[in-house]
Amino acid sequence: MSYKIEYKGKTVELPDFGNMPVGVLRKARHQPEDEISWFILESVLDEKQLDVLDSLPVSEFKKHIQAWTGGTGLGE
């Protein structure tokens, strides 16, 4: 099941975090800690979806990322 973020009439659909391709996580481990989240998101979303994320306020973004990951940090 995916996780949907709706903002200003646009939708971003993130894949179920538990079904993340292992290859994305394997490659993410080589990224600097402050880049891991972005690497993962850029690996699973297209440009249109990333544009929607870019328009989110930080507080809204954090709320959705925590809900998507079940509270686990993307780099963990």
PDB file of N, CA and C in Angstrom:
ATOM      1  N   MET A   1       0.841  -1.175   0.000  1.00  0.00           N
ATOM      2  CA  MET A   1       0.000   0.000   0.000  1.00  0.00           C
ATOM      3  C   MET A   1       0.885   1.237   0.000  1.00  0.00           C
ATOM      4  N   SER A   2       0.537   2.201  -0.779  1.00  0.00           N
ATOM      5  CA  SER A   2       1.346   3.404  -0.877  1.00  0.00           C
ATOM      6  C   SER A   2       0.873   4.459   0.129  1.00  0.00           C
ATOM      7  N   TYR A   3       1.656   5.512   0.244  1.00  0.00           N
ATOM      8  CA  TYR A   3       1.320   6.636   1.107  1.00  0.00           C
ATOM      9  C   TYR A   3       1.100   7.846   0.208  1.00  0.00           C
ATOM     10  N   LYS A   4      -0.049   8.497   0.345  1.00  0.00           N
ATOM     11  CA  LYS A   4      -0.374   9.636  -0.510  1.00  0.00           C
ATOM     12  C   LYS A   4      -0.272  10.938   0.255  1.00  0.00           C
ATOM     13  N   ILE A   5       0.343  11.903  -0.400  1.00  0.00           N
ATOM     14  CA  ILE A   5       0.416  13.260   0.118  1.00  0.00           C
ATOM     15  C   ILE A   5      -0.399  14.116  -0.840  1.00  0.00           C
ATOM     16  N   GLU A   6      -1.390  14.814  -0.310  1.00  0.00           N
ATOM     17  CA  GLU A   6      -2.185  15.711  -1.138  1.00  0.00           C
ATOM     18  C   GLU A   6      -1.933  17.131  -0.661  1.00  0.00           C
ATOM     19  N   TYR A   7      -1.606  17.999  -1.615  1.00  0.00           N
ATOM     20  CA  TYR A   7      -1.294  19.381  -1.276  1.00  0.00           C
ATOM     21  C   TYR A   7      -1.686  20.275  -2.440  1.00  0.00           C
ATOM     22  N   LYS A   8      -2.538  21.242  -2.163  1.00  0.00           N
ATOM     23  CA  LYS A   8      -3.000  22.205  -3.163  1.00  0.00           C
ATOM     24  C   LYS A   8      -3.502  21.522  -4.432  1.00  0.00           C
ATOM     25  N   GLY A   9      -4.309  20.491  -4.247  1.00  0.00           N
ATOM     26  CA  GLY A   9      -4.917  19.812  -5.375  1.00  0.00           C
ATOM     27  C   GLY A   9      -4.012  18.868  -6.143  1.00  0.00           C
ATOM     28  N   LYS A  10      -2.794  18.665  -5.658  1.00  0.00           N
ATOM     29  CA  LYS A  10      -1.857  17.754  -6.307  1.00  0.00           C
ATOM     30  C   LYS A  10      -1.540  16.606  -5.373  1.00  0.00           C
ATOM     31  N   THR A  11      -1.199  15.460  -5.949  1.00  0.00           N
ATOM     32  CA  THR A  11      -0.948  14.267  -5.160  1.00  0.00           C
ATOM     33  C   THR A  11       0.426  13.688  -5.458  1.00  0.00           C
ATOM     34  N   VAL A  12       1.100  13.289  -4.393  1.00  0.00           N
ATOM     35  CA  VAL A  12       2.361  12.554  -4.491  1.00  0.00           C
ATOM     36  C   VAL A  12       2.080  11.185  -3.891  1.00  0.00           C
ATOM     37  N   GLU A  13       2.477  10.142  -4.586  1.00  0.00           N
ATOM     38  CA  GLU A  13       2.264   8.791  -4.083  1.00  0.00           C
ATOM     39  C   GLU A  13       3.612   8.130  -3.827  1.00  0.00           C
ATOM     40  N   LEU A  14       3.900   7.928  -2.553  1.00  0.00           N
ATOM     41  CA  LEU A  14       5.140   7.269  -2.154  1.00  0.00           C
ATOM     42  C   LEU A  14       4.882   5.768  -2.034  1.00  0.00           C
ATOM     43  N   PRO A  15       5.819   4.938  -2.475  1.00  0.00           N
ATOM     44  CA  PRO A  15       5.608   3.494  -2.320  1.00  0.00           C
ATOM     45  C   PRO A  15       5.588   3.135  -0.841  1.00  0.00           C
ATOM     46  N   ASP A  16       4.925   2.047  -0.524  1.00  0.00           N
ATOM     47  CA  ASP A  16       4.916   1.574   0.855  1.00  0.00           C
ATOM     48  C   ASP A  16       6.364   1.476   1.343  1.00  0.00           C
ATOM     49  N   PHE A  17       6.652   2.106   2.467  1.00  0.00           N
ATOM     50  CA  PHE A  17       8.038   2.152   2.948  1.00  0.00           C
ATOM     51  C   PHE A  17       8.595   0.759   3.216  1.00  0.00           C
ATOM     52  N   GLY A  18       7.749  -0.148   3.668  1.00  0.00           N
ATOM     53  CA  GLY A  18       8.185  -1.517   3.932  1.00  0.00           C
ATOM     54  C   GLY A  18       8.503  -2.300   2.669  1.00  0.00           C
ATOM     55  N   ASN A  19       8.069  -1.794   1.523  1.00  0.00           N
ATOM     56  CA  ASN A  19       8.329  -2.458   0.248  1.00  0.00           C
ATOM     57  C   ASN A  19       9.311  -1.677  -0.619  1.00  0.00           C
ATOM     58  N   MET A  20      10.077  -0.807   0.016  1.00  0.00           N
ATOM     59  CA  MET A  20      11.092  -0.021  -0.698  1.00  0.00           C
ATOM     60  C   MET A  20      12.079  -0.977  -1.361  1.00  0.00           C
ATOM     61  N   PRO A  21      12.432  -0.716  -2.619  1.00  0.00           N
ATOM     62  CA  PRO A  21      13.432  -1.580  -3.251  1.00  0.00           C
ATOM     63  C   PRO A  21      14.740  -1.574  -2.451  1.00  0.00           C
ATOM     64  N   VAL A  22      15.248  -2.734  -2.168  1.00  0.00           N
ATOM     65  CA  VAL A  22      16.482  -2.856  -1.382  1.00  0.00           C
ATOM     66  C   VAL A  22      17.626  -2.099  -2.053  1.00  0.00           C
ATOM     67  N   GLY A  23      17.652  -2.090  -3.375  1.00  0.00           N
ATOM     68  CA  GLY A  23      18.721  -1.396  -4.094  1.00  0.00           C
ATOM     69  C   GLY A  23      18.782   0.082  -3.777  1.00  0.00           C
ATOM     70  N   VAL A  24      17.632   0.704  -3.587  1.00  0.00           N
ATOM     71  CA  VAL A  24      17.607   2.128  -3.230  1.00  0.00           C
ATOM     72  C   VAL A  24      18.248   2.320  -1.868  1.00  0.00           C
ATOM     73  N   LEU A  25      17.887   1.484  -0.913  1.00  0.00           N
ATOM     74  CA  LEU A  25      18.452   1.602   0.437  1.00  0.00           C
ATOM     75  C   LEU A  25      19.936   1.245   0.454  1.00  0.00           C
ATOM     76  N   ARG A  26      20.319   0.249  -0.348  1.00  0.00           N
ATOM     77  CA  ARG A  26      21.736  -0.132  -0.428  1.00  0.00           C
ATOM     78  C   ARG A  26      22.568   1.031  -0.948  1.00  0.00           C
ATOM     79  N   LYS A  27      22.091   1.679  -1.991  1.00  0.00           N
ATOM     80  CA  LYS A  27      22.831   2.809  -2.567  1.00  0.00           C
ATOM     81  C   LYS A  27      22.792   4.028  -1.650  1.00  0.00           C
ATOM     82  N   ALA A  28      21.697   4.187  -0.915  1.00  0.00           N
ATOM     83  CA  ALA A  28      21.560   5.340  -0.019  1.00  0.00           C
ATOM     84  C   ALA A  28      22.605   5.317   1.087  1.00  0.00           C
ATOM     85  N   ARG A  29      23.039   4.144   1.479  1.00  0.00           N
ATOM     86  CA  ARG A  29      23.998   4.057   2.595  1.00  0.00           C
ATOM     87  C   ARG A  29      25.341   4.688   2.265  1.00  0.00           C
ATOM     88  N   HIS A  30      25.603   4.912   0.973  1.00  0.00           N
ATOM     89  CA  HIS A  30      26.858   5.536   0.558  1.00  0.00           C
ATOM     90  C   HIS A  30      26.760   7.062   0.495  1.00  0.00           C
ATOM     91  N   GLN A  31      25.577   7.576   0.757  1.00  0.00           N
ATOM     92  CA  GLN A  31      25.367   9.027   0.697  1.00  0.00           C
ATOM     93  C   GLN A  31      25.723   9.664   2.043  1.00  0.00           C
ATOM     94  N   PRO A  32      26.111  10.937   2.004  1.00  0.00           N
ATOM     95  CA  PRO A  32      26.297  11.651   3.281  1.00  0.00           C
ATOM     96  C   PRO A  32      24.972  11.656   4.045  1.00  0.00           C
ATOM     97  N   GLU A  33      25.045  11.644   5.348  1.00  0.00           N
ATOM     98  CA  GLU A  33      23.851  11.514   6.183  1.00  0.00           C
ATOM     99  C   GLU A  33      22.770  12.540   5.830  1.00  0.00           C
ATOM    100  N   ASP A  34      23.181  13.772   5.564  1.00  0.00           N
ATOM    101  CA  ASP A  34      22.188  14.806   5.275  1.00  0.00           C
ATOM    102  C   ASP A  34      21.612  14.702   3.860  1.00  0.00           C
ATOM    103  N   GLU A  35      22.077  13.772   3.056  1.00  0.00           N
ATOM    104  CA  GLU A  35      21.573  13.576   1.696  1.00  0.00           C
ATOM    105  C   GLU A  35      20.736  12.306   1.534  1.00  0.00           C
ATOM    106  N   ILE A  36      20.735  11.437   2.530  1.00  0.00           N
ATOM    107  CA  ILE A  36      20.064  10.141   2.406  1.00  0.00           C
ATOM    108  C   ILE A  36      18.577  10.297   2.103  1.00  0.00           C
ATOM    109  N   SER A  37      17.887  11.154   2.833  1.00  0.00           N
ATOM    110  CA  SER A  37      16.452  11.339   2.618  1.00  0.00           C
ATOM    111  C   SER A  37      16.165  11.760   1.189  1.00  0.00           C
ATOM    112  N   TRP A  38      16.921  12.729   0.716  1.00  0.00           N
ATOM    113  CA  TRP A  38      16.703  13.239  -0.641  1.00  0.00           C
ATOM    114  C   TRP A  38      17.055  12.181  -1.677  1.00  0.00           C
ATOM    115  N   PHE A  39      18.095  11.432  -1.447  1.00  0.00           N
ATOM    116  CA  PHE A  39      18.465  10.365  -2.377  1.00  0.00           C
ATOM    117  C   PHE A  39      17.318   9.364  -2.521  1.00  0.00           C
ATOM    118  N   ILE A  40      16.743   8.957  -1.398  1.00  0.00           N
ATOM    119  CA  ILE A  40      15.650   7.987  -1.429  1.00  0.00           C
ATOM    120  C   ILE A  40      14.444   8.575  -2.160  1.00  0.00           C
ATOM    121  N   LEU A  41      14.055   9.792  -1.801  1.00  0.00           N
ATOM    122  CA  LEU A  41      12.897  10.408  -2.449  1.00  0.00           C
ATOM    123  C   LEU A  41      13.133  10.604  -3.946  1.00  0.00           C
ATOM    124  N   GLU A  42      14.319  11.048  -4.318  1.00  0.00           N
ATOM    125  CA  GLU A  42      14.625  11.255  -5.741  1.00  0.00           C
ATOM    126  C   GLU A  42      14.712   9.941  -6.500  1.00  0.00           C
ATOM    127  N   SER A  43      14.912   8.840  -5.791  1.00  0.00           N
ATOM    128  CA  SER A  43      14.974   7.528  -6.433  1.00  0.00           C
ATOM    129  C   SER A  43      13.592   6.939  -6.698  1.00  0.00           C
ATOM    130  N   VAL A  44      12.587   7.353  -5.924  1.00  0.00           N
ATOM    131  CA  VAL A  44      11.263   6.734  -6.057  1.00  0.00           C
ATOM    132  C   VAL A  44      10.201   7.673  -6.632  1.00  0.00           C
ATOM    133  N   LEU A  45      10.520   8.949  -6.805  1.00  0.00           N
ATOM    134  CA  LEU A  45       9.552   9.908  -7.332  1.00  0.00           C
ATOM    135  C   LEU A  45      10.023  10.495  -8.647  1.00  0.00           C
ATOM    136  N   ASP A  46       9.072  10.927  -9.468  1.00  0.00           N
ATOM    137  CA  ASP A  46       9.441  11.610 -10.707  1.00  0.00           C
ATOM    138  C   ASP A  46       9.505  13.124 -10.445  1.00  0.00           C
ATOM    139  N   GLU A  47       9.886  13.877 -11.463  1.00  0.00           N
ATOM    140  CA  GLU A  47      10.080  15.330 -11.298  1.00  0.00           C
ATOM    141  C   GLU A  47       8.802  16.054 -10.885  1.00  0.00           C
ATOM    142  N   LYS A  48       7.668  15.666 -11.444  1.00  0.00           N
ATOM    143  CA  LYS A  48       6.406  16.323 -11.082  1.00  0.00           C
ATOM    144  C   LYS A  48       6.083  16.112  -9.608  1.00  0.00           C
ATOM    145  N   GLN A  49       6.317  14.898  -9.121  1.00  0.00           N
ATOM    146  CA  GLN A  49       6.062  14.611  -7.716  1.00  0.00           C
ATOM    147  C   GLN A  49       7.050  15.359  -6.821  1.00  0.00           C
ATOM    148  N   LEU A  50       8.294  15.438  -7.251  1.00  0.00           N
ATOM    149  CA  LEU A  50       9.287  16.182  -6.473  1.00  0.00           C
ATOM    150  C   LEU A  50       8.935  17.663  -6.415  1.00  0.00           C
ATOM    151  N   ASP A  51       8.376  18.200  -7.494  1.00  0.00           N
ATOM    152  CA  ASP A  51       7.950  19.602  -7.491  1.00  0.00           C
ATOM    153  C   ASP A  51       6.876  19.845  -6.444  1.00  0.00           C
ATOM    154  N   VAL A  52       5.959  18.887  -6.280  1.00  0.00           N
ATOM    155  CA  VAL A  52       4.919  19.020  -5.252  1.00  0.00           C
ATOM    156  C   VAL A  52       5.570  19.007  -3.868  1.00  0.00           C
ATOM    157  N   LEU A  53       6.483  18.075  -3.640  1.00  0.00           N
ATOM    158  CA  LEU A  53       7.183  18.035  -2.346  1.00  0.00           C
ATOM    159  C   LEU A  53       7.923  19.338  -2.087  1.00  0.00           C
ATOM    160  N   ASP A  54       8.552  19.875  -3.126  1.00  0.00           N
ATOM    161  CA  ASP A  54       9.305  21.125  -2.976  1.00  0.00           C
ATOM    162  C   ASP A  54       8.420  22.292  -2.544  1.00  0.00           C
ATOM    163  N   SER A  55       7.129  22.212  -2.841  1.00  0.00           N
ATOM    164  CA  SER A  55       6.226  23.305  -2.483  1.00  0.00           C
ATOM    165  C   SER A  55       5.666  23.180  -1.060  1.00  0.00           C
ATOM    166  N   LEU A  56       5.879  22.030  -0.420  1.00  0.00           N
ATOM    167  CA  LEU A  56       5.366  21.825   0.938  1.00  0.00           C
ATOM    168  C   LEU A  56       6.116  22.676   1.959  1.00  0.00           C
ATOM    169  N   PRO A  57       5.398  23.207   2.949  1.00  0.00           N
ATOM    170  CA  PRO A  57       6.089  23.823   4.081  1.00  0.00           C
ATOM    171  C   PRO A  57       6.850  22.725   4.840  1.00  0.00           C
ATOM    172  N   VAL A  58       7.927  23.082   5.484  1.00  0.00           N
ATOM    173  CA  VAL A  58       8.767  22.106   6.180  1.00  0.00           C
ATOM    174  C   VAL A  58       7.959  21.317   7.204  1.00  0.00           C
ATOM    175  N   SER A  59       7.096  21.972   7.960  1.00  0.00           N
ATOM    176  CA  SER A  59       6.319  21.266   8.986  1.00  0.00           C
ATOM    177  C   SER A  59       5.410  20.211   8.353  1.00  0.00           C
ATOM    178  N   GLU A  60       4.824  20.523   7.209  1.00  0.00           N
ATOM    179  CA  GLU A  60       3.960  19.576   6.506  1.00  0.00           C
ATOM    180  C   GLU A  60       4.793  18.418   5.953  1.00  0.00           C
ATOM    181  N   PHE A  61       5.952  18.727   5.402  1.00  0.00           N
ATOM    182  CA  PHE A  61       6.855  17.705   4.857  1.00  0.00           C
ATOM    183  C   PHE A  61       7.267  16.722   5.960  1.00  0.00           C
ATOM    184  N   LYS A  62       7.697  17.242   7.102  1.00  0.00           N
ATOM    185  CA  LYS A  62       8.126  16.390   8.215  1.00  0.00           C
ATOM    186  C   LYS A  62       6.997  15.485   8.687  1.00  0.00           C
ATOM    187  N   LYS A  63       5.793  16.029   8.778  1.00  0.00           N
ATOM    188  CA  LYS A  63       4.644  15.256   9.226  1.00  0.00           C
ATOM    189  C   LYS A  63       4.409  14.066   8.295  1.00  0.00           C
ATOM    190  N   HIS A  64       4.470  14.306   6.995  1.00  0.00           N
ATOM    191  CA  HIS A  64       4.228  13.239   6.025  1.00  0.00           C
ATOM    192  C   HIS A  64       5.358  12.211   6.005  1.00  0.00           C
ATOM    193  N   ILE A  65       6.589  12.654   6.089  1.00  0.00           N
ATOM    194  CA  ILE A  65       7.712  11.713   6.071  1.00  0.00           C
ATOM    195  C   ILE A  65       7.655  10.811   7.308  1.00  0.00           C
ATOM    196  N   GLN A  66       7.345  11.380   8.467  1.00  0.00           N
ATOM    197  CA  GLN A  66       7.234  10.564   9.677  1.00  0.00           C
ATOM    198  C   GLN A  66       6.097   9.558   9.560  1.00  0.00           C
ATOM    199  N   ALA A  67       4.982   9.980   8.983  1.00  0.00           N
ATOM    200  CA  ALA A  67       3.858   9.055   8.803  1.00  0.00           C
ATOM    201  C   ALA A  67       4.220   7.957   7.798  1.00  0.00           C
ATOM    202  N   TRP A  68       4.889   8.325   6.714  1.00  0.00           N
ATOM    203  CA  TRP A  68       5.273   7.358   5.682  1.00  0.00           C
ATOM    204  C   TRP A  68       6.220   6.286   6.226  1.00  0.00           C
ATOM    205  N   THR A  69       7.181   6.719   7.016  1.00  0.00           N
ATOM    206  CA  THR A  69       8.199   5.796   7.511  1.00  0.00           C
ATOM    207  C   THR A  69       7.820   5.143   8.841  1.00  0.00           C
ATOM    208  N   GLY A  70       6.697   5.510   9.388  1.00  0.00           N
ATOM    209  CA  GLY A  70       6.300   4.973  10.691  1.00  0.00           C
ATOM    210  C   GLY A  70       7.188   5.512  11.808  1.00  0.00           C
ATOM    211  N   GLY A  71       7.744   6.702  11.598  1.00  0.00           N
ATOM    212  CA  GLY A  71       8.581   7.338  12.613  1.00  0.00           C
ATOM    213  C   GLY A  71      10.062   7.024  12.491  1.00  0.00           C
ATOM    214  N   THR A  72      10.426   6.131  11.576  1.00  0.00           N
ATOM    215  CA  THR A  72      11.829   5.789  11.370  1.00  0.00           C
ATOM    216  C   THR A  72      12.446   6.829  10.446  1.00  0.00           C
ATOM    217  N   GLY A  73      13.631   7.324  10.780  1.00  0.00           N
ATOM    218  CA  GLY A  73      14.318   8.249   9.896  1.00  0.00           C
ATOM    219  C   GLY A  73      14.684   7.565   8.589  1.00  0.00           C
ATOM    220  N   LEU A  74      14.699   8.303   7.508  1.00  0.00           N
ATOM    221  CA  LEU A  74      15.008   7.699   6.208  1.00  0.00           C
ATOM    222  C   LEU A  74      16.400   7.111   6.143  1.00  0.00           C
ATOM    223  N   GLY A  75      17.300   7.618   6.923  1.00  0.00           N
ATOM    224  CA  GLY A  75      18.653   7.093   6.883  1.00  0.00           C
ATOM    225  C   GLY A  75      18.924   5.942   7.838  1.00  0.00           C
ATOM    226  N   GLU A  76      17.899   5.491   8.537  1.00  0.00           N
ATOM    227  CA  GLU A  76      18.094   4.442   9.547  1.00  0.00           C
ATOM    228  C   GLU A  76      17.811   3.071   8.993  1.00  0.00           C
TER     229      GLU A  76
END
